[in-house]
Amino acid sequence: MNPETEHETLRAATTSDPLRPSYHFTAPAGWLNDPNGSAQRDGDFHLFYQYNPVAAVHNRIQWGHAVSRDLMRWEDRPIALRPEHGGPDADGCWSGVLVDDCGRPVIIYSGHSNALSTQTACLAYGDLALDHWRKEPANPVIAAPPAGYDVTAFRDHCVWRENDVWRQLIGSGIRDVGGCAFLYESHDLVTWRELGPLVIGDAGALPEEDPAWAGTMWECVDFFRFRPDGTSASPDAASGDPHVLIFSAWHEEVTRHPLVARGRYHDDRFEIEAFQRLDLGGRHAYAPQTFADQSGRRVLWAWMQEARSIERQRVAGWSGAMILPRRLWLDAAGVLRQEPVAEAESLRAEPLSWQEDGTAAVSSGVQTEVSLTVELSPTSAVRFSAFSTGDSGENTCVELGRSAEGQLRLVLDRSHSSLDSDLDLSGHEGELPSAKNPITMRILLDRSSIEVFADGIALTSRVYPARGDATGIRVEAVGEAVVRKLRGWHLAGVEQAERV
């Protein structure tokens, strides 16, 4: 089969899958993982991403590229980076970032080489449209981890301008200690001076099974700050502003979950004051990357990993989607909160119709948003069912409940979400850092994804209903809970009509 016919076959399988998300960003076909190079330039939003266009497997990764005016509706652009035979990226152009060097677009990425058995830091220079890229002849610009450390891995980049010099973090881990981020400095993006670890984690601080375990290696490190006016900017040790480090906890080839560390940045080091989970859905909002848009809003992307088996993904012809882009902010207590960017409201089409069923409100849809405000007294809860057949067949359940002591807990039960086998049906849960009434909730469904936001705390997951009638939605108050302002909408699919 020639490459063109092979791609057409892959694309046909991809578009015929009823479980492929319709308003979340996906690749045209094949494999998608980490968001890369996210930015806004001259009003346009750019999203690069880890991409294998020839199969739904992680192999010989390239950089896909798409552009949008509103963060919702995307147009494919030419592939930005491809592996180069014999080069430091011969087996993959892995994750990285986009920066502006006095008007010149520059990508800093991890080149992957099986021959070198490692990843190294590489550069590429783009035209003003970001469509065509030329690799730095001196690649790799950082060829190995710092000497004197027994590292578990070394990849992924965060780069910014501070005090008229470039600074860079590279994710890593120190064996038998924990994850870390190494700090570098450069005047030209090509020659880098190592400044030591910005921060080192402690893999032994919590049991490995703890949902907030920090892992033995930190992938996809992302570092930024919030100003007093709520806007966000690149790190600046002289500012005194609270800084945030986001990373993905990794351990022995297993992707675990993203975490947030909040603290103070000074003297080339980051002092962590508090940790929290970025998303309660574990690996289903993995490899996050953020950027500050032209208004100073901090926008988050992340990779929605699949919960289907590798073979099921291969047969489907596609794998991976992006979360809806989210706005981040720090509340008065220093908790990082998030919600879909305001542009997501443009997806709302006709309202959901609701019927009463005893103590519950019922509707239907698999491409929908539901918004509600609830008041929870001790031992009460609100229960949200989705992708439901209305019988004992299939059902995905979200419950937000308050304990007798007043603590809020968000739980997602996937144990009955599909009759299919070869699925991860494990649940997700976590406590909310606020216990005040009223509580706002938004739940967004997109065929095989669910994103829950409860007072700015997110839980993302994947479900794969097998029955065509698994379309039911049910909202029910339990105990003394009160549900107010219940609304819902069908959401428009926005995928580009013709993709190659």
Protein backbone atom coordinates (compact mmCIF):
# COMPACT_ATOMS: atom_id res chain seq x y z
CA MET A 1 0.00 0.00 0.00
CA ASN A 2 1.44 3.38 -0.99
CA PRO A 3 1.70 6.15 1.64
CA GLU A 4 -1.19 8.17 0.21
CA THR A 5 -3.57 5.20 0.22
CA GLU A 6 -2.35 4.22 3.69
CA HIS A 7 -3.13 7.70 5.00
CA GLU A 8 -6.59 7.67 3.40
CA THR A 9 -7.34 4.34 5.08
CA LEU A 10 -6.16 5.70 8.44
CA ARG A 11 -8.21 8.87 8.01
CA ALA A 12 -11.33 6.85 7.08
CA ALA A 13 -11.00 4.75 10.23
CA THR A 14 -10.48 7.88 12.31
CA THR A 15 -13.50 9.81 11.05
CA SER A 16 -15.84 6.81 11.28
CA ASP A 17 -15.20 6.26 15.00
CA PRO A 18 -18.23 7.60 16.93
CA LEU A 19 -16.10 7.90 20.07
CA ARG A 20 -13.68 10.44 18.60
CA PRO A 21 -14.23 13.87 20.26
CA SER A 22 -15.96 16.49 18.12
CA TYR A 23 -15.08 19.83 19.73
CA HIS A 24 -11.78 18.97 21.40
CA PHE A 25 -8.68 19.30 19.26
CA THR A 26 -7.47 16.03 17.73
CA ALA A 27 -4.90 15.26 15.06
CA PRO A 28 -6.21 14.57 11.52
CA ALA A 29 -5.43 10.89 12.16
CA GLY A 30 -2.81 8.81 13.90
CA TRP A 31 -1.18 9.58 17.22
CA LEU A 32 -1.27 12.81 19.27
CA ASN A 33 0.33 13.42 22.65
CA ASP A 34 1.91 16.44 24.37
CA PRO A 35 0.94 20.03 23.51
CA ASN A 36 4.02 22.00 22.45
CA GLY A 37 4.93 25.55 21.50
CA SER A 38 1.59 27.01 22.55
CA ALA A 39 1.51 30.77 22.05
CA GLN A 40 -0.37 33.77 20.75
CA ARG A 41 1.33 35.84 18.01
CA ASP A 42 -0.23 38.82 16.22
CA GLY A 43 -3.67 37.76 17.43
CA ASP A 44 -3.38 34.15 16.23
CA PHE A 45 -3.19 31.24 18.64
CA HIS A 46 -0.70 28.52 17.74
CA LEU A 47 -0.73 24.94 18.96
CA PHE A 48 2.07 22.53 18.09
CA TYR A 49 1.78 18.94 19.26
CA GLN A 50 3.50 15.58 19.31
CA TYR A 51 2.26 13.75 16.22
CA ASN A 52 2.62 10.49 14.33
CA PRO A 53 0.55 10.88 11.15
CA VAL A 54 1.03 7.30 9.87
CA ALA A 55 -0.25 5.21 12.81
CA ALA A 56 -1.97 5.55 16.17
CA VAL A 57 1.21 4.60 18.02
CA HIS A 58 4.01 6.61 19.63
CA ASN A 59 6.80 6.29 17.06
CA ARG A 60 9.10 8.69 15.17
CA ILE A 61 7.26 11.68 16.56
CA GLN A 62 6.91 14.87 14.54
CA TRP A 63 5.54 18.31 15.44
CA GLY A 64 2.03 18.91 14.13
CA HIS A 65 0.84 22.51 13.96
CA ALA A 66 -2.55 24.24 13.96
CA VAL A 67 -3.65 27.88 14.17
CA SER A 68 -6.83 29.52 15.48
CA ARG A 69 -8.33 32.95 16.09
CA ASP A 70 -10.51 31.82 19.01
CA LEU A 71 -8.87 28.73 20.61
CA MET A 72 -11.84 26.60 19.48
CA ARG A 73 -11.76 26.41 15.67
CA TRP A 74 -8.44 25.23 14.27
CA GLU A 75 -6.80 25.14 10.85
CA ASP A 76 -4.03 22.66 10.12
CA ARG A 77 -0.67 24.06 9.07
CA PRO A 78 2.35 22.22 7.61
CA ILE A 79 4.21 19.83 9.88
CA ALA A 80 6.83 21.91 11.67
CA LEU A 81 9.53 19.39 12.66
CA ARG A 82 10.41 15.94 11.36
CA PRO A 83 13.10 13.50 12.54
CA GLU A 84 16.32 13.84 10.55
CA HIS A 85 18.28 10.71 9.64
CA GLY A 86 21.60 10.61 11.46
CA GLY A 87 20.77 13.65 13.59
CA PRO A 88 20.19 13.96 17.34
CA ASP A 89 16.44 13.79 16.59
CA ALA A 90 16.68 10.78 14.24
CA ASP A 91 13.96 8.90 16.12
CA GLY A 92 11.71 11.72 17.22
CA CYS A 93 11.29 15.46 17.70
CA TRP A 94 10.00 15.37 21.25
CA SER A 95 8.41 18.03 23.42
CA GLY A 96 9.45 21.66 23.67
CA VAL A 97 8.44 25.31 23.48
CA LEU A 98 8.27 28.29 21.15
CA VAL A 99 9.97 31.61 22.02
CA ASP A 100 10.47 34.92 20.25
CA ASP A 101 14.10 36.02 19.85
CA CYS A 102 13.86 39.69 18.77
CA GLY A 103 11.17 38.83 16.23
CA ARG A 104 12.66 35.49 15.17
CA PRO A 105 10.55 32.45 16.15
CA VAL A 106 12.63 29.71 17.78
CA ILE A 107 11.60 26.22 18.87
CA ILE A 108 13.56 24.51 21.65
CA TYR A 109 12.77 20.80 21.71
CA SER A 110 14.07 17.42 22.82
CA GLY A 111 15.69 15.44 20.04
CA HIS A 112 15.34 11.69 20.56
CA SER A 113 17.90 9.23 19.23
CA ASN A 114 17.82 5.50 19.79
CA ALA A 115 21.52 5.34 18.84
CA LEU A 116 22.36 7.82 21.62
CA SER A 117 19.81 6.22 23.99
CA THR A 118 18.89 9.69 25.22
CA GLN A 119 17.17 13.00 24.53
CA THR A 120 19.10 16.21 23.92
CA ALA A 121 18.18 19.90 23.62
CA CYS A 122 17.83 21.11 20.02
CA LEU A 123 16.82 24.36 18.26
CA ALA A 124 14.93 25.23 15.08
CA TYR A 125 14.31 28.66 13.53
CA GLY A 126 11.03 29.55 11.85
CA ASP A 127 9.66 32.03 9.36
CA LEU A 128 7.18 34.67 10.56
CA ALA A 129 4.21 32.47 9.61
CA LEU A 130 5.70 29.60 11.68
CA ASP A 131 5.21 27.31 8.66
CA HIS A 132 8.83 26.58 7.70
CA TRP A 133 11.64 25.64 10.08
CA ARG A 134 15.42 25.34 9.82
CA LYS A 135 17.35 23.36 12.42
CA GLU A 136 20.37 24.80 14.21
CA PRO A 137 23.58 23.31 12.69
CA ALA A 138 25.14 23.02 16.15
CA ASN A 139 22.36 20.74 17.46
CA PRO A 140 22.27 19.48 20.11
CA VAL A 141 22.84 22.69 22.03
CA ILE A 142 22.77 20.74 25.31
CA ALA A 143 24.10 17.24 24.68
CA ALA A 144 23.88 15.62 28.12
CA PRO A 145 22.59 16.10 31.65
CA PRO A 146 24.78 17.98 34.12
CA ALA A 147 27.78 16.02 35.33
CA GLY A 148 27.76 14.63 38.85
CA TYR A 149 24.11 13.54 38.92
CA ASP A 150 22.72 10.04 38.39
CA VAL A 151 19.65 11.05 36.41
CA THR A 152 16.60 8.92 35.58
CA ALA A 153 15.76 10.89 32.40
CA PHE A 154 16.40 14.30 30.86
CA ARG A 155 13.92 16.02 28.52
CA ASP A 156 11.27 18.71 27.89
CA HIS A 157 11.87 22.42 28.17
CA CYS A 158 10.64 25.69 29.63
CA VAL A 159 12.42 28.79 28.27
CA TRP A 160 12.00 32.47 29.13
CA ARG A 161 13.80 35.81 29.06
CA GLU A 162 14.92 37.24 32.43
CA ASN A 163 17.35 40.13 33.09
CA ASP A 164 18.34 40.26 29.40
CA VAL A 165 19.40 36.62 29.31
CA TRP A 166 17.65 33.41 28.37
CA ARG A 167 16.84 30.87 31.05
CA GLN A 168 15.82 27.27 30.53
CA LEU A 169 14.48 24.43 32.64
CA ILE A 170 14.87 20.82 31.57
CA GLY A 171 12.85 18.11 33.32
CA SER A 172 14.78 15.31 34.99
CA GLY A 173 15.10 13.15 38.07
CA ILE A 174 17.87 12.12 40.43
CA ARG A 175 17.97 8.41 41.11
CA ASP A 176 16.90 7.39 44.63
CA VAL A 177 16.00 11.01 45.40
CA GLY A 178 13.19 12.35 43.22
CA GLY A 179 12.22 14.46 40.24
CA CYS A 180 13.96 17.73 39.50
CA ALA A 181 14.28 20.60 37.04
CA PHE A 182 17.76 21.68 35.94
CA LEU A 183 18.31 25.41 35.33
CA TYR A 184 20.44 26.84 32.51
CA GLU A 185 21.36 30.32 31.24
CA SER A 186 22.32 31.61 27.78
CA HIS A 187 22.84 34.86 25.87
CA ASP A 188 22.12 33.42 22.41
CA LEU A 189 19.98 30.23 22.90
CA VAL A 190 22.87 28.16 21.52
CA THR A 191 25.54 28.17 24.25
CA TRP A 192 24.15 27.29 27.69
CA ARG A 193 25.66 27.47 31.18
CA GLU A 194 24.36 25.07 33.81
CA LEU A 195 23.21 26.67 37.08
CA GLY A 196 22.25 23.51 38.98
CA PRO A 197 18.82 22.21 39.95
CA LEU A 198 16.12 24.84 40.33
CA VAL A 199 14.40 22.43 42.72
CA ILE A 200 14.66 18.75 43.66
CA GLY A 201 11.66 16.69 44.70
CA ASP A 202 11.37 13.96 47.29
CA ALA A 203 9.97 10.72 45.87
CA GLY A 204 9.95 9.24 49.36
CA ALA A 205 7.75 11.91 50.93
CA LEU A 206 4.55 10.00 50.06
CA PRO A 207 3.77 6.37 49.25
CA GLU A 208 3.91 5.56 45.55
CA GLU A 209 0.18 4.76 45.51
CA ASP A 210 -0.71 8.21 46.87
CA PRO A 211 -2.56 10.28 44.24
CA ALA A 212 -0.20 13.21 44.92
CA TRP A 213 3.03 11.17 44.69
CA ALA A 214 5.67 13.30 42.95
CA GLY A 215 7.32 10.53 40.89
CA THR A 216 10.97 9.80 40.21
CA MET A 217 11.20 12.06 37.16
CA TRP A 218 9.47 15.34 36.24
CA GLU A 219 8.33 15.64 32.63
CA CYS A 220 7.01 18.72 30.84
CA VAL A 221 8.14 21.27 33.41
CA ASP A 222 6.38 24.63 33.10
CA PHE A 223 7.31 27.67 35.24
CA PHE A 224 5.55 31.06 35.48
CA ARG A 225 4.27 33.69 37.91
CA PHE A 226 1.13 35.63 38.75
CA ARG A 227 1.21 39.39 39.19
CA PRO A 228 -0.83 41.17 41.92
CA ASP A 229 -3.42 42.20 39.28
CA GLY A 230 -4.07 38.54 38.43
CA THR A 231 -2.30 38.54 35.09
CA SER A 232 0.53 36.12 34.41
CA ALA A 233 4.06 36.47 33.08
CA SER A 234 7.41 34.73 32.72
CA PRO A 235 9.43 33.96 35.86
CA ASP A 236 11.22 36.91 37.48
CA ALA A 237 13.13 36.35 40.71
CA ALA A 238 13.22 40.11 41.44
CA SER A 239 9.43 40.50 41.29
CA GLY A 240 8.54 38.85 44.61
CA ASP A 241 5.46 37.46 42.88
CA PRO A 242 4.18 33.95 43.67
CA HIS A 243 5.59 31.48 41.15
CA VAL A 244 4.09 28.22 39.96
CA LEU A 245 5.91 25.11 38.73
CA ILE A 246 3.79 22.52 36.93
CA PHE A 247 5.25 19.12 36.10
CA SER A 248 4.12 15.61 35.19
CA ALA A 249 5.10 12.86 37.59
CA TRP A 250 6.71 9.95 35.72
CA HIS A 251 8.09 6.65 36.98
CA GLU A 252 9.78 3.85 35.03
CA GLU A 253 8.05 4.54 31.70
CA VAL A 254 4.66 5.10 33.35
CA THR A 255 2.90 8.47 33.13
CA ARG A 256 1.26 9.17 36.49
CA HIS A 257 -0.33 12.63 36.93
CA PRO A 258 0.47 16.35 36.71
CA LEU A 259 1.20 18.31 39.88
CA VAL A 260 1.39 21.98 40.84
CA ALA A 261 4.04 23.42 43.14
CA ARG A 262 3.53 26.99 44.36
CA GLY A 263 6.34 28.95 45.99
CA ARG A 264 9.04 31.62 45.81
CA TYR A 265 11.77 32.00 43.21
CA HIS A 266 15.06 33.61 44.25
CA ASP A 267 18.83 33.08 43.99
CA ASP A 268 18.39 30.59 41.11
CA ARG A 269 16.28 28.33 43.28
CA PHE A 270 12.57 27.66 43.82
CA GLU A 271 11.26 27.17 47.37
CA ILE A 272 8.07 25.12 47.31
CA GLU A 273 5.41 26.25 49.78
CA ALA A 274 2.53 23.98 48.71
CA PHE A 275 1.65 21.14 46.34
CA GLN A 276 -1.69 20.31 44.74
CA ARG A 277 -2.99 18.07 42.00
CA LEU A 278 -3.45 19.93 38.72
CA ASP A 279 -6.30 17.62 37.72
CA LEU A 280 -7.97 14.86 39.72
CA GLY A 281 -8.21 12.63 36.62
CA GLY A 282 -4.67 11.28 36.87
CA ARG A 283 -2.99 10.75 33.50
CA HIS A 284 -6.00 11.98 31.48
CA ALA A 285 -4.83 15.61 31.60
CA TYR A 286 -1.13 14.88 31.23
CA ALA A 287 1.90 16.80 29.92
CA PRO A 288 0.39 20.25 30.54
CA GLN A 289 1.84 23.34 28.94
CA THR A 290 0.78 26.94 29.53
CA PHE A 291 1.29 30.33 27.92
CA ALA A 292 0.36 33.92 28.69
CA ASP A 293 -1.79 35.38 25.92
CA GLN A 294 -1.64 39.00 24.83
CA SER A 295 -3.94 40.06 27.69
CA GLY A 296 -1.79 38.31 30.33
CA ARG A 297 -4.29 35.47 30.77
CA ARG A 298 -2.58 32.16 31.64
CA VAL A 299 -3.92 29.44 29.31
CA LEU A 300 -3.40 25.71 29.91
CA TRP A 301 -3.30 22.86 27.41
CA ALA A 302 -2.90 19.17 28.28
CA TRP A 303 -3.05 15.77 26.60
CA MET A 304 -6.17 13.66 27.20
CA GLN A 305 -4.67 10.19 27.14
CA GLU A 306 -6.80 7.24 26.08
CA ALA A 307 -8.13 4.50 28.35
CA ARG A 308 -8.50 2.00 25.50
CA SER A 309 -5.88 -0.67 24.89
CA ILE A 310 -3.01 0.02 22.51
CA GLU A 311 -4.49 -2.41 19.99
CA ARG A 312 -7.93 -0.74 20.17
CA GLN A 313 -6.29 2.64 19.54
CA ARG A 314 -4.39 1.28 16.55
CA VAL A 315 -7.54 -0.17 14.97
CA ALA A 316 -9.47 3.07 15.59
CA GLY A 317 -6.85 4.95 13.56
CA TRP A 318 -6.37 7.74 16.09
CA SER A 319 -5.19 8.26 19.66
CA GLY A 320 -5.19 11.26 21.95
CA ALA A 321 -6.95 14.62 22.18
CA MET A 322 -6.34 17.92 23.90
CA ILE A 323 -8.36 19.12 26.86
CA LEU A 324 -10.40 22.24 26.23
CA PRO A 325 -7.97 25.11 26.82
CA ARG A 326 -8.37 26.47 30.36
CA ARG A 327 -7.79 29.75 32.14
CA LEU A 328 -5.66 29.48 35.30
CA TRP A 329 -5.65 31.76 38.33
CA LEU A 330 -4.51 31.79 41.96
CA ASP A 331 -7.20 32.40 44.56
CA ALA A 332 -6.64 34.39 47.78
CA ALA A 333 -5.44 31.23 49.57
CA GLY A 334 -2.90 30.43 46.85
CA VAL A 335 -4.87 27.54 45.34
CA LEU A 336 -4.49 27.21 41.57
CA ARG A 337 -7.92 27.07 39.96
CA GLN A 338 -9.05 26.60 36.38
CA GLU A 339 -12.03 26.77 34.05
CA PRO A 340 -12.59 26.51 30.29
CA VAL A 341 -11.54 29.69 28.52
CA ALA A 342 -14.44 32.08 27.86
CA GLU A 343 -14.24 31.29 24.15
CA ALA A 344 -15.66 27.82 24.90
CA GLU A 345 -19.09 29.41 25.38
CA SER A 346 -19.18 30.00 21.61
CA LEU A 347 -19.66 26.22 21.22
CA ARG A 348 -23.07 26.36 22.88
CA ALA A 349 -25.89 25.56 20.47
CA GLU A 350 -29.49 24.67 21.38
CA PRO A 351 -30.30 24.31 25.10
CA LEU A 352 -30.83 20.90 26.64
CA SER A 353 -34.42 20.03 27.45
CA TRP A 354 -35.02 18.76 30.98
CA GLN A 355 -37.73 16.49 32.38
CA GLU A 356 -38.53 15.67 35.96
CA ASP A 357 -38.08 12.09 37.13
CA GLY A 358 -38.97 11.98 40.79
CA THR A 359 -36.18 13.85 42.58
CA ALA A 360 -33.97 14.10 39.48
CA ALA A 361 -33.76 16.17 36.31
CA VAL A 362 -33.06 14.13 33.18
CA SER A 363 -31.90 14.96 29.67
CA SER A 364 -29.73 13.41 26.97
CA GLY A 365 -26.68 14.08 24.85
CA VAL A 366 -23.07 12.98 24.42
CA GLN A 367 -21.72 16.30 23.12
CA THR A 368 -22.96 18.63 25.81
CA GLU A 369 -22.25 21.04 28.66
CA VAL A 370 -24.18 21.10 31.95
CA SER A 371 -23.87 23.97 34.44
CA LEU A 372 -25.33 24.01 37.93
CA THR A 373 -25.02 25.66 41.31
CA VAL A 374 -25.44 23.50 44.41
CA GLU A 375 -25.67 23.95 48.16
CA LEU A 376 -24.39 21.02 50.18
CA SER A 377 -25.01 20.52 53.86
CA PRO A 378 -23.10 17.83 55.81
CA THR A 379 -23.71 14.25 54.53
CA SER A 380 -25.42 15.51 51.35
CA ALA A 381 -24.33 15.23 47.72
CA VAL A 382 -25.21 15.98 44.13
CA ARG A 383 -25.00 13.06 41.71
CA PHE A 384 -24.50 13.49 37.97
CA SER A 385 -24.92 10.54 35.60
CA ALA A 386 -23.82 10.65 31.97
CA PHE A 387 -23.45 8.31 28.99
CA SER A 388 -26.24 6.34 30.62
CA THR A 389 -28.50 3.68 29.12
CA GLY A 390 -31.05 4.21 31.90
CA ASP A 391 -30.85 0.56 32.95
CA SER A 392 -28.12 -1.60 34.42
CA GLY A 393 -26.11 -1.49 31.19
CA GLU A 394 -23.81 1.52 31.06
CA ASN A 395 -23.46 4.61 33.23
CA THR A 396 -20.73 7.06 34.25
CA CYS A 397 -21.32 8.71 37.62
CA VAL A 398 -19.89 11.93 39.08
CA GLU A 399 -20.66 12.72 42.71
CA LEU A 400 -19.76 15.82 44.72
CA GLY A 401 -20.46 15.24 48.39
CA ARG A 402 -19.88 16.88 51.74
CA SER A 403 -18.76 14.78 54.69
CA ALA A 404 -20.16 15.08 58.20
CA GLU A 405 -17.06 17.17 59.01
CA GLY A 406 -17.80 19.56 56.13
CA GLN A 407 -15.12 18.47 53.65
CA LEU A 408 -16.01 18.34 49.95
CA ARG A 409 -15.02 15.34 47.85
CA LEU A 410 -15.36 14.85 44.09
CA VAL A 411 -15.64 11.25 42.83
CA LEU A 412 -15.87 9.82 39.30
CA ASP A 413 -17.03 6.20 39.01
CA ARG A 414 -16.19 4.56 35.65
CA SER A 415 -16.78 0.97 36.77
CA HIS A 416 -20.00 0.70 34.71
CA SER A 417 -19.10 3.16 31.97
CA SER A 418 -18.76 0.54 29.20
CA LEU A 419 -19.61 -3.05 28.40
CA ASP A 420 -16.43 -3.29 26.34
CA SER A 421 -13.33 -5.03 27.61
CA ASP A 422 -9.71 -3.85 27.32
CA LEU A 423 -10.55 -0.56 29.03
CA ASP A 424 -9.21 1.21 32.08
CA LEU A 425 -12.33 1.50 34.27
CA SER A 426 -10.60 2.70 37.44
CA GLY A 427 -12.12 5.63 39.30
CA HIS A 428 -10.85 9.10 40.20
CA GLU A 429 -11.43 11.19 43.29
CA GLY A 430 -10.05 13.95 45.41
CA GLU A 431 -10.86 16.59 48.00
CA LEU A 432 -11.73 20.17 47.13
CA PRO A 433 -9.73 22.82 49.01
CA SER A 434 -12.81 24.99 49.59
CA ALA A 435 -15.94 24.04 51.49
CA LYS A 436 -18.12 27.13 51.04
CA ASN A 437 -21.66 27.27 49.62
CA PRO A 438 -22.79 27.75 46.93
CA ILE A 439 -20.61 25.57 44.71
CA THR A 440 -20.53 25.96 40.95
CA MET A 441 -20.13 22.93 38.70
CA ARG A 442 -19.61 22.54 34.96
CA ILE A 443 -19.51 19.16 33.22
CA LEU A 444 -18.52 18.88 29.56
CA LEU A 445 -19.07 15.66 27.61
CA ASP A 446 -17.58 14.92 24.19
CA ARG A 447 -18.36 11.38 23.04
CA SER A 448 -15.52 9.71 24.94
CA SER A 449 -14.34 12.45 27.28
CA ILE A 450 -15.65 14.06 30.44
CA GLU A 451 -14.29 17.22 32.05
CA VAL A 452 -15.66 18.27 35.44
CA PHE A 453 -15.03 21.64 37.10
CA ALA A 454 -16.13 22.14 40.71
CA ASP A 455 -15.26 25.59 42.05
CA GLY A 456 -12.27 25.68 39.71
CA ILE A 457 -10.96 22.22 40.59
CA ALA A 458 -10.79 19.97 37.51
CA LEU A 459 -11.29 16.25 36.95
CA THR A 460 -10.73 14.92 33.42
CA SER A 461 -11.27 11.38 32.21
CA ARG A 462 -12.12 9.13 29.26
CA VAL A 463 -15.07 6.75 28.88
CA TYR A 464 -16.13 4.60 25.91
CA PRO A 465 -19.81 3.59 25.96
CA ALA A 466 -20.48 0.59 23.73
CA ARG A 467 -24.25 0.94 23.40
CA GLY A 468 -25.74 3.46 21.02
CA ASP A 469 -28.43 4.38 23.55
CA ALA A 470 -25.88 5.40 26.22
CA THR A 471 -26.91 9.06 25.92
CA GLY A 472 -28.78 9.72 29.18
CA ILE A 473 -27.96 12.56 31.59
CA ARG A 474 -29.33 12.70 35.12
CA VAL A 475 -28.85 15.28 37.90
CA GLU A 476 -30.01 14.29 41.38
CA ALA A 477 -29.80 15.85 44.83
CA VAL A 478 -28.96 13.40 47.64
CA GLY A 479 -29.92 14.11 51.24
CA GLU A 480 -30.33 17.82 52.01
CA ALA A 481 -28.52 18.99 48.87
CA VAL A 482 -30.16 21.76 46.83
CA VAL A 483 -29.56 22.13 43.09
CA ARG A 484 -30.02 25.61 41.66
CA LYS A 485 -29.56 27.24 38.23
CA LEU A 486 -29.45 23.98 36.30
CA ARG A 487 -28.72 24.67 32.63
CA GLY A 488 -27.31 22.76 29.70
CA TRP A 489 -26.46 22.99 26.02
CA HIS A 490 -25.64 20.81 23.08
CA LEU A 491 -22.15 21.81 21.89
CA ALA A 492 -21.18 22.29 18.26
CA GLY A 493 -18.53 20.16 16.60
CA VAL A 494 -15.81 22.39 15.20
CA GLU A 495 -13.35 20.12 13.40
CA GLN A 496 -11.97 21.50 10.14
CA ALA A 497 -13.94 20.01 7.23
CA GLU A 498 -10.98 18.87 5.13
CA ARG A 499 -7.84 17.65 6.85
CA VAL A 500 -4.80 15.97 5.42
